Protein backbone atom coordinates (compact mmCIF):
# COMPACT_ATOMS: atom_id res chain seq x y z
CA MET A 1 0.00 0.00 0.00
CA LEU A 2 1.27 3.43 -0.89
CA ARG A 3 0.85 6.27 1.56
CA VAL A 4 1.13 9.95 0.70
CA VAL A 5 1.48 12.41 3.55
CA ARG A 6 0.97 16.13 2.97
CA LEU A 7 2.27 18.54 5.63
CA ARG A 8 2.00 22.31 5.84
CA SER A 9 4.86 23.89 7.76
CA SER A 10 8.52 24.22 6.86
CA THR A 11 9.74 23.62 10.41
CA TRP A 12 7.26 20.81 11.03
CA LYS A 13 8.18 19.01 7.82
CA CYS A 14 11.34 17.10 8.72
CA ALA A 15 10.06 16.09 12.12
CA LEU A 16 6.63 14.84 11.14
CA LEU A 17 7.99 13.17 8.02
CA SER A 18 10.49 11.11 9.96
CA LEU A 19 7.93 10.26 12.61
CA ILE A 20 5.50 8.95 9.99
CA GLY A 21 8.28 7.00 8.33
CA VAL A 22 9.43 5.33 11.50
CA LEU A 23 5.98 4.33 12.64
CA PHE A 24 4.92 3.14 9.19
CA LEU A 25 8.02 1.00 8.84
CA ASN A 26 7.45 -0.46 12.27
CA GLY A 27 4.44 -2.27 10.82
CA LEU A 28 6.24 -3.74 7.80
CA PRO A 29 7.15 -7.39 8.36
CA SER A 30 10.09 -7.72 5.97
CA SER A 31 12.93 -5.62 4.59
CA VAL A 32 12.42 -1.88 4.25
CA VAL A 33 13.74 0.15 1.36
CA LEU A 34 13.91 3.96 1.41
CA ALA A 35 13.92 5.83 -1.86
CA SER A 36 16.25 8.77 -2.40
CA ASN A 37 18.64 10.15 -5.00
CA HIS A 38 21.37 11.26 -2.63
CA MET A 39 22.99 10.03 0.58
CA ASP A 40 21.63 12.23 3.39
CA ASN A 41 22.74 11.74 6.94
CA PRO A 42 19.98 9.80 8.67
CA LEU A 43 17.89 11.59 11.27
CA THR A 44 19.26 10.58 14.64
CA CYS A 45 18.80 11.52 18.29
CA SER A 46 21.79 12.53 20.40
CA THR A 47 20.40 10.84 23.50
CA ILE A 48 18.39 7.87 22.28
CA ASN A 49 19.53 5.42 19.63
CA SER A 50 19.54 1.70 19.01
CA ALA A 51 22.94 1.27 20.71
CA ASN A 52 21.87 2.48 24.15
CA LEU A 53 18.21 1.45 24.34
CA THR A 54 17.41 -1.03 27.10
CA ALA A 55 13.63 -1.36 26.69
CA ASP A 56 11.89 -3.79 24.32
CA ARG A 57 11.15 -2.54 20.80
CA PRO A 58 7.49 -1.73 20.04
CA ASN A 59 5.32 -4.44 18.44
CA ALA A 60 1.68 -4.96 17.46
CA GLN A 61 0.68 -5.50 21.11
CA SER A 62 2.63 -2.55 22.55
CA LEU A 63 0.57 0.23 24.12
CA LEU A 64 1.42 3.86 23.37
CA ILE A 65 0.08 6.42 25.85
CA VAL A 66 0.40 10.10 24.93
CA LEU A 67 -0.18 12.54 27.80
CA LEU A 68 -1.33 15.70 26.00
CA ASP A 69 -1.16 19.01 27.85
CA ARG A 70 -4.27 21.08 27.14
CA GLY A 71 -3.76 23.73 29.79
CA ALA A 72 -4.35 27.38 28.99
CA THR A 73 -0.62 28.10 28.62
CA MET A 74 -0.45 25.84 25.52
CA GLY A 75 -2.39 28.60 23.70
CA LEU A 76 -3.87 26.54 20.86
CA ASN A 77 -5.64 29.63 19.52
CA GLY A 78 -2.55 31.83 19.69
CA GLY A 79 -0.36 33.45 22.31
CA GLY A 80 0.89 30.24 23.89
CA ALA A 81 3.51 27.54 23.48
CA ASP A 82 1.65 25.68 20.67
CA PRO A 83 -0.57 28.14 18.72
CA ASN A 84 -0.66 25.91 15.60
CA ASN A 85 -1.58 22.77 17.56
CA TYR A 86 1.38 20.73 16.38
CA SER A 87 1.04 18.65 19.53
CA GLY A 88 -2.44 17.62 18.41
CA SER A 89 -1.17 16.75 14.94
CA THR A 90 1.55 14.62 16.53
CA ALA A 91 -1.15 12.66 18.34
CA ASP A 92 -3.08 12.32 15.05
CA VAL A 93 -0.05 10.96 13.22
CA LEU A 94 0.57 8.45 15.98
CA SER A 95 -3.07 7.35 15.84
CA ASP A 96 -2.74 6.72 12.10
CA LEU A 97 0.54 4.85 12.18
CA TRP A 98 1.14 3.20 15.58
CA SER A 99 0.76 -0.54 14.95
CA GLY A 100 -0.51 -1.42 18.42
CA PRO A 101 -3.21 -0.05 20.72
CA MET A 102 -2.95 3.62 21.64
CA ALA A 103 -4.48 6.07 24.08
CA VAL A 104 -4.33 9.85 24.38
CA VAL A 105 -4.87 11.35 27.83
CA ALA A 106 -5.69 15.06 27.48
CA TYR A 107 -5.40 16.89 30.79
CA GLN A 108 -6.76 20.35 31.64
CA ALA A 109 -9.01 22.20 34.08
CA ASN A 110 -8.70 19.72 36.97
CA ARG A 111 -9.57 16.70 34.85
CA ALA A 112 -7.89 14.14 32.60
CA THR A 113 -9.83 12.64 29.68
CA THR A 114 -8.75 9.41 27.96
CA PHE A 115 -9.40 8.84 24.26
CA GLY A 116 -8.66 5.72 22.26
CA VAL A 117 -7.20 2.47 23.61
CA GLY A 118 -8.57 0.99 20.40
CA LEU A 119 -6.97 -0.51 17.33
CA SER A 120 -6.61 1.23 13.95
CA SER A 121 -10.32 0.83 13.11
CA ALA A 122 -11.16 3.33 15.86
CA ARG A 123 -8.37 5.82 15.14
CA GLN A 124 -10.49 8.34 13.21
CA ALA A 125 -12.72 8.77 16.25
CA LEU A 126 -9.62 9.22 18.39
CA LYS A 127 -8.32 11.95 16.05
CA GLN A 128 -11.64 13.79 16.12
CA GLU A 129 -11.72 13.71 19.92
CA VAL A 130 -8.16 15.05 20.13
CA ASN A 131 -8.76 17.84 17.60
CA ASN A 132 -12.00 18.93 19.28
CA THR A 133 -10.24 19.43 22.63
CA GLN A 134 -9.36 23.08 23.26
CA SER A 135 -6.86 24.53 25.71
CA GLY A 136 -7.93 26.12 28.97
CA GLY A 137 -7.55 25.99 32.73
CA ASN A 138 -4.71 24.32 34.61
CA ALA A 139 -2.74 21.23 33.52
CA PRO A 140 -3.15 18.46 36.17
CA LEU A 141 -0.41 16.08 35.03
CA ASP A 142 -0.86 14.06 38.23
CA LEU A 143 -4.32 12.98 37.08
CA ALA A 144 -2.98 12.05 33.65
CA LEU A 145 -0.19 9.96 35.19
CA ASN A 146 -2.71 8.10 37.34
CA GLN A 147 -4.77 7.26 34.26
CA ALA A 148 -1.66 6.11 32.37
CA ASN A 149 -0.78 3.77 35.23
CA ALA A 150 -4.33 2.39 35.23
CA LEU A 151 -4.19 1.79 31.46
CA LEU A 152 -1.02 -0.27 31.82
CA GLN A 153 -2.54 -2.60 34.46
CA PRO A 154 -2.80 -5.53 34.55
CA GLY A 155 -0.08 -6.99 32.33
CA ILE A 156 2.09 -4.47 30.57
CA PRO A 157 2.72 -5.40 26.90
CA ALA A 158 6.40 -5.47 25.93
CA GLY A 159 7.53 -2.39 24.03
CA SER A 160 4.95 -0.06 25.59
CA ARG A 161 5.84 3.63 25.83
CA ILE A 162 4.64 6.83 27.49
CA ALA A 163 5.24 10.29 26.04
CA ILE A 164 4.48 13.55 27.86
CA LEU A 165 3.84 16.59 25.63
CA SER A 166 3.67 19.68 27.83
CA ASP A 167 4.87 23.26 28.24
CA ALA A 168 5.53 22.35 31.91
CA ALA A 169 3.87 25.52 33.18
CA ASP A 170 1.83 23.85 35.94
CA LEU A 171 4.01 20.93 37.01
CA THR A 172 5.10 22.16 40.44
CA GLY A 173 1.88 20.83 41.97
CA SER A 174 2.51 17.43 40.35
CA LYS A 175 5.88 16.86 42.06
CA ASP A 176 4.72 13.92 44.17
CA ALA A 177 2.93 12.34 41.21
CA LEU A 178 6.05 12.66 39.04
CA ASN A 179 8.23 11.06 41.71
CA THR A 180 5.76 8.19 42.07
CA ALA A 181 5.57 7.76 38.28
CA ALA A 182 9.35 7.61 38.03
CA SER A 183 9.43 4.76 40.54
CA THR A 184 6.39 2.90 39.19
CA PHE A 185 7.13 3.02 35.46
CA GLY A 186 10.85 2.43 36.04
CA HIS A 187 10.05 -0.75 37.98
CA GLU A 188 7.61 -1.86 35.28
CA GLY A 189 10.16 -1.27 32.49
CA VAL A 190 8.09 1.36 30.65
CA PRO A 191 10.24 4.29 29.44
CA VAL A 192 8.76 7.76 29.90
CA TYR A 193 9.93 10.46 27.49
CA THR A 194 9.33 14.00 28.72
CA PHE A 195 9.34 17.08 26.50
CA ASN A 196 9.29 20.55 28.04
CA LEU A 197 7.93 23.17 25.62
CA SER A 198 8.66 26.09 27.94
CA SER A 199 10.78 28.83 26.34
CA SER A 200 12.32 29.69 29.71
CA SER A 201 14.15 27.32 32.05
CA ASN A 202 12.14 26.49 35.18
CA GLN A 203 14.56 25.39 37.87
CA GLN A 204 11.76 23.75 39.86
CA VAL A 205 10.12 21.87 36.99
CA GLN A 206 13.08 20.79 34.88
CA PRO A 207 14.66 18.48 37.51
CA LEU A 208 11.28 16.76 37.97
CA LEU A 209 11.00 15.91 34.27
CA GLU A 210 14.64 14.85 34.11
CA GLN A 211 14.14 12.52 37.08
CA VAL A 212 11.15 10.76 35.50
CA SER A 213 13.09 10.20 32.27
CA GLN A 214 16.33 9.09 33.92
CA THR A 215 14.65 6.67 36.30
CA THR A 216 12.63 5.00 33.51
CA ASN A 217 15.46 4.89 30.91
CA GLY A 218 13.71 7.50 28.80
CA CYS A 219 15.01 10.90 27.74
CA TYR A 220 14.36 14.58 28.48
CA GLU A 221 14.33 17.47 26.02
CA ASN A 222 14.15 21.15 26.90
CA ILE A 223 12.74 22.68 23.72
CA THR A 224 11.71 26.20 22.73
CA SER A 225 9.02 25.52 20.13
CA SER A 226 6.50 22.90 19.15
CA ALA A 227 8.49 22.24 15.97
CA ASP A 228 11.47 21.33 18.14
CA LEU A 229 9.18 19.04 20.09
CA ALA A 230 8.17 17.20 16.93
CA GLN A 231 11.82 16.82 15.91
CA SER A 232 12.64 15.35 19.30
CA VAL A 233 9.81 12.83 19.02
CA VAL A 234 10.99 11.90 15.51
CA ASN A 235 14.52 11.21 16.67
CA LEU A 236 13.20 9.22 19.59
CA TYR A 237 11.14 6.97 17.31
CA ALA A 238 14.10 6.55 14.96
CA GLY A 239 16.12 5.33 17.93
CA TRP A 240 13.40 2.92 19.01
CA ASN A 241 13.28 1.26 15.57
CA SER A 242 16.92 1.64 14.42
CA LEU A 243 15.72 3.33 11.22
CA GLU A 244 17.24 5.83 8.82
CA PHE A 245 15.65 8.17 6.29
CA THR A 246 16.76 9.62 2.95
CA ARG A 247 15.07 12.13 0.67
CA ILE A 248 13.99 12.03 -3.00
CA ASP A 249 15.65 14.76 -5.07
CA TYR A 250 13.60 17.27 -7.01
CA ASN A 251 13.80 16.81 -10.81
CA THR A 252 14.12 20.37 -12.09
CA ALA A 253 13.67 19.31 -15.73
CA LYS A 254 10.20 17.86 -15.14
CA ASN A 255 9.28 19.63 -11.90
CA ASP A 256 8.57 16.41 -10.05
CA TYR A 257 10.00 13.91 -7.55
CA PRO A 258 10.67 10.56 -9.30
CA VAL A 259 11.52 7.11 -7.98
CA THR A 260 11.65 3.81 -9.88
CA LEU A 261 9.99 0.69 -8.50
CA ASP A 262 10.47 -2.73 -10.13
CA ILE A 263 8.88 -6.13 -9.65
CA THR A 264 10.79 -6.74 -6.42
CA PHE A 265 8.66 -4.12 -4.65
CA ASN A 266 5.42 -5.27 -3.04
CA SER A 267 4.69 -2.21 -0.91
CA ALA A 268 5.59 1.47 -1.08
CA ALA A 269 4.90 4.75 0.70
CA PHE A 270 5.49 8.31 -0.51
CA LEU A 271 5.59 11.11 2.05
CA THR A 272 4.82 14.49 0.49
CA PHE A 273 4.78 17.70 2.53
CA TYR A 274 5.14 21.39 1.90
CA ASP A 275 4.31 24.82 3.31
CA SER A 276 0.95 26.55 3.08
CA SER A 277 1.78 28.18 -0.27
CA THR A 278 1.80 24.79 -2.03
CA SER A 279 -1.10 22.41 -2.51
CA ASN A 280 -2.63 19.63 -4.60
CA SER A 281 0.14 17.08 -4.93
CA VAL A 282 -0.40 14.60 -7.74
CA LEU A 283 0.84 11.03 -7.54
CA ALA A 284 1.35 9.45 -10.96
CA ILE A 285 2.97 6.50 -12.71
CA ALA A 286 4.38 6.77 -16.23
CA GLY A 287 2.93 10.28 -16.40
CA GLN A 288 -0.63 9.12 -15.65
CA GLN A 289 -2.33 10.27 -12.44
CA LEU A 290 -3.35 7.40 -10.19
CA PRO A 291 -7.16 6.97 -10.10
CA LYS A 292 -9.11 7.32 -6.87
CA GLU A 293 -10.04 3.64 -6.98
CA VAL A 294 -6.51 2.63 -6.01
CA VAL A 295 -6.10 5.22 -3.25
CA ASP A 296 -7.56 5.31 0.26
CA ARG A 297 -7.35 8.85 1.60
CA SER A 298 -7.62 9.63 5.30
CA LEU A 299 -9.59 12.52 6.71
CA ASP A 300 -7.99 15.93 6.40
CA ASN A 301 -5.71 17.12 9.14
CA GLN A 302 -4.49 20.60 9.92
CA HIS A 303 -0.91 19.70 9.00
CA TYR A 304 -0.84 16.52 6.95
CA GLU A 305 -2.72 14.22 4.61
CA LEU A 306 -2.36 10.46 4.62
CA ASP A 307 -3.16 8.44 1.46
CA THR A 308 -2.83 4.69 0.93
CA LEU A 309 -2.22 3.08 -2.44
CA LYS A 310 -3.73 -0.36 -2.78
CA VAL A 311 -1.68 -3.37 -3.88
CA PRO A 312 -0.54 -4.96 -6.13
CA LEU A 313 1.88 -2.27 -7.20
CA GLN A 314 2.63 -1.60 -10.83
CA SER A 315 6.31 -1.43 -11.87
CA GLY A 316 7.53 1.83 -13.32
CA VAL A 317 8.58 5.39 -12.53
CA TYR A 318 6.40 6.97 -9.85
CA THR A 319 6.33 10.75 -9.53
CA VAL A 320 4.97 13.26 -7.10
CA THR A 321 4.12 16.60 -8.75
CA LEU A 322 3.09 19.84 -7.06
CA ASN A 323 0.98 22.31 -9.05
CA THR A 324 2.49 25.47 -7.57
CA SER A 325 5.94 26.66 -6.53
CA ALA A 326 7.53 23.96 -4.38
CA VAL A 327 10.53 25.77 -2.93
CA ASN A 328 10.06 24.28 0.52
CA ALA A 329 8.59 20.95 -0.52
CA ARG A 330 10.15 17.63 0.41
CA VAL A 331 9.25 14.12 -0.69
CA TYR A 332 10.29 10.86 0.91
CA ALA A 333 9.52 7.30 -0.16
CA LEU A 334 9.34 4.21 2.03
CA THR A 335 9.07 0.90 0.21
CA GLN A 336 8.97 -2.81 0.94
CA SER A 337 10.84 -5.17 -1.35
CA THR A 338 11.73 -8.84 -1.74
CA ARG A 339 15.32 -7.66 -2.12
CA THR A 340 17.22 -7.41 1.14
CA LEU A 341 20.66 -6.34 2.25
CA GLN A 342 22.36 -9.05 4.30
CA PHE A 343 25.66 -9.48 6.14
CA VAL A 344 28.17 -12.01 4.89
CA GLN A 345 30.50 -11.18 7.75
CA PRO A 346 30.64 -10.63 10.63
CA THR A 347 27.95 -12.99 11.87
CA ALA A 348 26.36 -13.37 15.29
CA SER A 349 29.03 -15.93 16.18
CA SER A 350 31.95 -13.63 15.26
CA ILE A 351 34.30 -12.07 17.83
CA ALA A 352 36.09 -8.72 17.57
CA TYR A 353 39.47 -8.13 19.22
CA THR A 354 40.86 -4.79 20.36
CA GLY A 355 43.60 -3.38 18.16
CA GLN A 356 42.72 -5.70 15.29
CA SER A 357 40.79 -5.27 12.04
CA LEU A 358 37.19 -6.46 11.69
CA PRO A 359 36.19 -7.30 8.08
CA ILE A 360 32.67 -6.23 7.05
CA GLU A 361 30.98 -7.76 3.98
CA VAL A 362 27.40 -7.34 2.73
CA HIS A 363 25.44 -8.28 -0.38
CA LEU A 364 21.99 -7.79 -1.85
CA VAL A 365 19.77 -10.87 -1.88
CA ASP A 366 16.51 -11.30 -3.79
CA LYS A 367 14.44 -14.24 -2.57
CA ASP A 368 17.53 -15.92 -1.06
CA ARG A 369 19.57 -15.45 -4.25
CA PRO A 370 22.53 -13.01 -4.26
CA THR A 371 22.22 -10.27 -6.89
CA ILE A 372 24.97 -8.21 -8.47
CA PRO A 373 24.29 -4.49 -7.89
CA GLU A 374 24.92 -1.70 -10.37
CA ALA A 375 28.42 -0.22 -10.32
CA THR A 376 26.91 3.06 -9.13
CA THR A 377 25.53 1.48 -5.94
CA VAL A 378 26.90 3.01 -2.75
CA PHE A 379 27.33 0.80 0.32
CA GLN A 380 27.90 2.05 3.85
CA ALA A 381 28.16 0.44 7.31
CA GLN A 382 27.51 2.13 10.64
CA VAL A 383 29.60 0.65 13.46
CA THR A 384 28.76 1.43 17.11
CA ILE A 385 31.17 0.20 19.79
CA THR A 386 30.55 0.28 23.53
CA PHE A 387 33.23 -0.42 26.15
CA GLY A 388 31.76 -1.22 29.58
CA ASN A 389 29.73 1.70 30.94
CA ALA A 390 31.35 4.23 28.59
CA PRO A 391 29.07 6.06 26.09
CA PRO A 392 28.81 4.30 22.72
CA VAL A 393 30.96 5.62 19.87
CA SER A 394 29.85 5.37 16.22
CA GLU A 395 31.80 5.42 12.96
CA SER A 396 30.73 5.19 9.30
CA ILE A 397 32.66 2.74 7.10
CA ALA A 398 32.51 2.90 3.29
CA LEU A 399 32.04 -0.52 1.67
CA HIS A 400 33.28 -1.15 -1.85
CA GLN A 401 32.10 -3.63 -4.45
CA GLN A 402 34.82 -6.15 -5.22
CA GLY A 403 35.59 -7.29 -8.80
CA GLY A 404 32.09 -6.83 -10.17
CA GLY A 405 30.70 -9.46 -7.80
CA ASP A 406 27.83 -9.30 -5.33
CA ILE A 407 30.03 -8.60 -2.27
CA ALA A 408 30.74 -5.10 -0.94
CA SER A 409 33.42 -5.04 1.76
CA GLY A 410 35.32 -2.78 4.12
CA VAL A 411 37.35 -2.92 7.32
CA PHE A 412 36.79 -1.48 10.78
CA ILE A 413 39.79 -1.15 13.09
CA VAL A 414 38.75 -1.95 16.66
CA PRO A 415 40.30 0.61 19.08
CA MET A 416 43.01 -0.51 21.48
CA LEU A 417 42.01 -1.12 25.10
CA GLY A 418 44.07 -2.76 27.81
CA THR A 419 47.00 -5.15 27.45
CA PRO A 420 46.75 -8.72 26.09
CA GLY A 421 47.16 -11.37 28.79
CA ASN A 422 47.11 -15.12 29.16
CA THR A 423 43.42 -15.40 28.25
CA PRO A 424 41.01 -13.22 26.22
CA VAL A 425 38.95 -10.77 28.31
CA ARG A 426 35.54 -9.48 27.20
CA VAL A 427 35.35 -5.68 27.40
CA GLY A 428 32.41 -4.54 25.24
CA ILE A 429 30.14 -5.05 22.24
CA ILE A 430 29.94 -3.88 18.62
CA GLN A 431 26.69 -3.25 16.72
CA ILE A 432 26.79 -2.97 12.93
CA THR A 433 24.09 -1.85 10.49
CA ALA A 434 24.49 -1.32 6.75
CA LEU A 435 22.71 0.30 3.79
CA SER A 436 23.00 0.30 0.02
CA LYS A 437 21.79 3.08 -2.27
CA ASP A 438 21.32 3.35 -6.01
CA GLN A 439 18.91 5.21 -8.30
CA GLY A 440 16.74 6.52 -5.52
CA ILE A 441 16.42 3.19 -3.69
CA THR A 442 17.99 2.51 -0.32
CA HIS A 443 18.13 -0.96 1.24
CA THR A 444 18.99 -1.36 4.91
CA THR A 445 19.80 -4.30 7.17
CA LEU A 446 16.80 -4.47 9.47
CA VAL A 447 18.55 -6.28 12.33
CA PRO A 448 22.01 -5.11 13.41
CA VAL A 449 24.77 -7.64 13.92
CA THR A 450 25.91 -7.59 17.54
CA ILE A 451 29.23 -9.22 18.46
CA PRO A 452 31.38 -9.21 21.61
CA VAL A 453 34.71 -7.37 21.87
CA PHE A 454 37.63 -9.07 23.63
CA ILE A 455 41.13 -8.05 24.60
CA PRO A 456 43.04 -10.82 22.78
CA LYS A 457 45.33 -13.39 24.30
CA ALA A 458 48.98 -12.32 24.25
CA PRO A 459 50.92 -13.88 21.33
CA PRO A 460 53.69 -16.41 22.11
CA CYS A 461 57.20 -15.02 22.79
CA PRO A 462 59.65 -15.25 19.85
CA THR A 463 62.65 -16.07 22.15
CA PHE A 464 63.28 -17.27 25.70
CA GLN A 465 64.87 -13.93 26.64
CA GLU A 466 61.79 -12.04 25.39
CA CYS A 467 59.51 -14.30 27.41
CA VAL A 468 61.55 -13.66 30.55
CA LYS A 469 61.50 -9.91 29.92
CA GLN A 470 57.73 -9.82 29.26
CA ASN A 471 56.88 -12.01 32.26
CA ILE A 472 59.50 -10.93 34.84
CA VAL A 473 56.87 -9.99 37.41
CA GLY A 474 55.03 -13.26 36.96
CA LEU A 475 58.25 -15.28 37.19
CA LEU A 476 59.33 -13.53 40.40
CA SER A 477 55.91 -14.15 41.88
CA LEU A 478 56.12 -17.82 40.91
CA VAL A 479 59.56 -18.19 42.50
CA LEU A 480 58.34 -16.52 45.68
CA LEU A 481 55.34 -18.85 45.83
CA LEU A 482 57.61 -21.86 45.36
CA LEU A 483 59.88 -20.74 48.20
CA ILE A 484 56.92 -20.21 50.48
CA GLY A 485 55.61 -23.65 49.53
CA ILE A 486 58.96 -25.31 50.27
CA ILE A 487 59.22 -23.58 53.65
CA LEU A 488 55.69 -24.66 54.55
CA LEU A 489 56.42 -28.23 53.49
CA ILE A 490 59.59 -28.39 55.63
CA TRP A 491 57.74 -26.90 58.58
CA PHE A 492 54.91 -29.44 58.17
CA LEU A 493 57.31 -32.37 58.07
CA ILE A 494 59.02 -31.14 61.22
CA TRP A 495 55.68 -30.53 62.93
CA LYS A 496 54.41 -33.96 61.98
CA ARG A 497 57.41 -35.62 63.68
CA LYS A 498 56.87 -33.77 66.94
CA PRO A 499 55.23 -35.91 69.66
CA THR A 500 51.90 -35.04 71.19
CA VAL A 501 51.18 -34.75 74.90
CA MET A 502 48.84 -37.72 75.28
CA ALA A 503 48.10 -38.46 78.98
CA HIS A 504 45.52 -37.68 81.64
CA LEU A 505 45.44 -36.20 85.10
CA VAL A 506 43.28 -37.64 87.91
CA SER A 507 42.14 -35.51 90.84
CA VAL A 508 43.34 -36.82 94.23
CA ARG A 509 40.32 -35.17 95.88
CA ASN A 510 37.84 -36.81 93.50
CA PRO A 511 39.30 -39.73 91.54
CA LYS A 512 36.27 -39.64 89.21
CA ARG A 513 37.40 -36.25 87.85
CA ILE A 514 39.82 -36.78 84.97
CA LEU A 515 41.47 -34.22 82.66
CA GLU A 516 42.67 -35.47 79.24
CA LEU A 517 45.74 -33.44 78.32
CA GLY A 518 45.45 -33.93 74.52
CA GLU A 519 41.82 -32.84 74.24
CA HIS A 520 40.03 -29.47 74.01
CA ARG A 521 43.17 -27.66 72.84
CA PRO A 522 42.89 -24.40 70.84
CA TRP A 523 43.84 -24.98 67.16
CA LEU A 524 46.68 -22.44 67.31
CA LYS A 525 48.15 -24.34 70.27
CA ARG A 526 47.85 -27.62 68.37
CA ILE A 527 49.79 -26.14 65.44
CA PHE A 528 52.49 -24.08 67.14
CA ARG A 529 52.73 -25.77 70.59
CA LYS A 530 52.04 -29.38 69.68
CA SER A 531 54.41 -30.91 72.26
CA VAL A 532 53.86 -28.44 75.11
CA ILE A 533 50.84 -27.87 77.34
CA THR A 534 51.21 -25.13 79.95
CA MET A 535 49.21 -24.70 83.12
CA ARG A 536 47.97 -21.37 81.71
CA GLU A 537 46.43 -23.27 78.78
CA LEU A 538 44.74 -25.72 81.17
CA GLU A 539 42.99 -22.79 82.83
CA THR A 540 40.56 -22.80 79.87
CA HIS A 541 40.13 -26.58 79.79
CA PRO A 542 36.56 -27.81 80.56
CA GLU A 543 37.99 -30.03 83.35
CA THR A 544 40.24 -27.35 84.84
CA ASP A 545 38.89 -28.07 88.34
CA VAL A 546 41.07 -31.24 88.32
CA VAL A 547 44.21 -29.06 88.49
CA VAL A 548 42.72 -26.15 90.39
CA GLU A 549 45.50 -26.35 92.99
CA LEU A 550 48.14 -25.94 90.25
CA VAL A 551 46.49 -23.06 88.39
CA GLY A 552 48.84 -20.10 88.18
CA GLU A 553 51.98 -22.16 88.66
CA PRO A 554 54.73 -21.81 85.97
CA LEU A 555 54.44 -25.45 84.90
CA ALA A 556 54.36 -27.16 81.48
CA PHE A 557 53.91 -30.73 80.31
CA VAL A 558 56.48 -31.40 77.56
CA ALA A 559 56.39 -34.48 75.30
CA SER A 560 59.51 -36.00 73.76
CA ASP A 561 60.15 -39.08 71.67
CA THR A 562 60.74 -41.16 74.85
CA ASP A 563 58.57 -39.73 77.62
CA ILE A 564 56.65 -36.79 79.05
CA THR A 565 58.28 -34.38 81.51
CA LEU A 566 56.96 -31.73 83.86
CA CYS A 567 59.00 -28.52 83.64
CA MET A 568 59.22 -25.47 85.88
CA THR A 569 59.26 -22.60 83.33
CA GLY A 570 59.84 -19.84 85.87
CA GLY A 571 60.23 -19.06 89.55
CA GLY A 572 57.30 -19.73 91.86
CA GLY A 573 56.46 -19.40 95.52
CA SER A 574 55.10 -22.95 95.83
CA ASN A 575 57.02 -26.17 96.44
CA ILE A 576 56.19 -28.48 93.50
CA SER A 577 57.46 -32.05 93.61
CA VAL A 578 56.90 -35.26 91.65
CA LYS A 579 56.83 -38.75 93.17
CA VAL A 580 57.57 -41.61 90.79
CA GLY A 581 57.33 -44.89 92.65
CA MET A 582 59.15 -44.29 95.97
CA ASP A 583 61.35 -41.51 94.55
CA GLU A 584 60.17 -37.93 95.10
CA GLN A 585 61.94 -35.01 93.37
CA VAL A 586 61.39 -31.28 93.93
CA LEU A 587 61.25 -29.03 90.82
CA ASN A 588 63.51 -26.04 90.77
CA GLU A 589 63.36 -23.12 88.35
CA LYS A 590 64.07 -24.13 84.71
CA GLN A 591 64.16 -27.81 85.75
CA CYS A 592 62.27 -30.76 84.19
CA VAL A 593 61.35 -34.11 85.75
CA SER A 594 60.38 -37.26 83.83
CA LEU A 595 56.87 -38.41 84.80
CA GLY A 596 57.22 -42.00 83.62
CA SER A 597 54.01 -43.88 82.95
CA SER A 598 52.47 -42.96 86.29
CA CYS A 599 53.28 -40.53 89.12
CA THR A 600 51.85 -38.18 91.68
CA ILE A 601 52.32 -34.42 91.66
CA TYR A 602 52.58 -32.63 95.02
CA LYS A 603 52.19 -29.01 96.00
CA ASN A 604 53.70 -27.92 99.33
CA GLY A 605 53.94 -31.56 100.41
CA LYS A 606 50.32 -32.36 99.59
CA SER A 607 49.33 -34.62 96.68
CA VAL A 608 46.98 -32.86 94.21
CA VAL A 609 46.85 -34.91 90.97
CA THR A 610 47.91 -38.26 89.61
CA PHE A 611 49.56 -38.40 86.17
CA LYS A 612 48.94 -41.45 83.98
CA ILE A 613 49.72 -42.37 80.38
């Protein structure tokens, strides 16, 4: 179907044109071709593009909610921010072209009125409701936000969006509602895009709008006219759909805008717009005006006209002719074709490495068969690279046809980042789109190729000396670790050979109370004092009451390979002695006595504990 859009405003032209194009293309199921006779830079948005979008792309089930400010300060009848009602025309265009359900919430005079939430069959009624709404009273955005939240519940379709069109004159009273909306819609994954039409910066309002956009992964624009607003919306939609637009050149010899369509085209759209001094565009093929029977024309709008050409399309040269001076006129064509532009390389399984070249190859394919393009065909790739959280960086790469074949190729040099190591390290992603252009027809790759970017593995050293020089730090670290390992091994072997104090003490006062010397030891004592148990350590033993008379004495049980001795580690005021069999020996300072297999320990001539192995 062929659509002709007629717009009346030189500043509104580019914006509304691109908006129509993006939304129309969003409904096309296969490859999109844009007709033009020269390579314009595509309309883009500095803050929103396909490389940094995080929300789902719109689809046939996505819900679009437009919150339309109709307060008195909008000045639809003159003297306000939008005297020509471009905001209303924006809502009309969306109602014509949005592929999913849509609602417009007009808010004014302490009320918010919802129109729409229907499919395309009900869009004319939606447009009439919007255009019949006049400006007046205050602008209660809080009520509109509440209605938007209600429309999205329950079950929010993927790809849904909210757009706020306002001059932001009465937003101070909606502060709480804006904060709540930022939290709610951000949690639900619905981006909110806020556009402030105020010509003067409002330090109270602007941060509120910025917060809503930032929290929901949307964007904010501070604009000075309604035409700027439309341009912002256009760029936003282009970013949502990863689309680009080119323009058909004016043929001065015949005073028309021509584009050739062949049998590969099964759908086409012409967008014609001009200022108020130009009217009555004529769409023709082979010089013959198209009859009304093949055209569906929408109801008139203040700024545009939307016509649909019924299929099947006839091959030939289509022209758009204007019957008066067309100094400010512009014509765009959007077409659908069986011919597509496809990547040969890279593919989704490819990997890019920093500091290395990335080959890019594309070719035109018609019904799965590669076709050889004309020598005049221009190919171009757009490469967007993102490292971590850094902003994405884009670069255009010219692709050249090789040897008269179907392949057009070029090379992108991946920037250096970091130093190669022992293993590859992922540091970012690359997104690549491409287009081809010849004789007014532009083919684009609908889906970008996205591949990971890695810092490559370091290449092998050419010589032993170079390896040592490149890895000196690693080698020193390895040697240090080996030395530490050897020291620990030697220490462990020595520790393992040390005997353990394995015996028990029996209380003379209560022979049923027994203290096992090798049990309940702190782990540090087991490691570093394996063969020695001091009386100070036994103070924390669960059975310490067995040796309560010896607590505080400078005594230690010391194990050797042959026996266990009791040593006096320092001077003490008590008389400690050990009786082995019939032989009793008093301990002096720094003296040790062998305890044998069984003995009795005395303090001041009184037996206190019995030692047994």
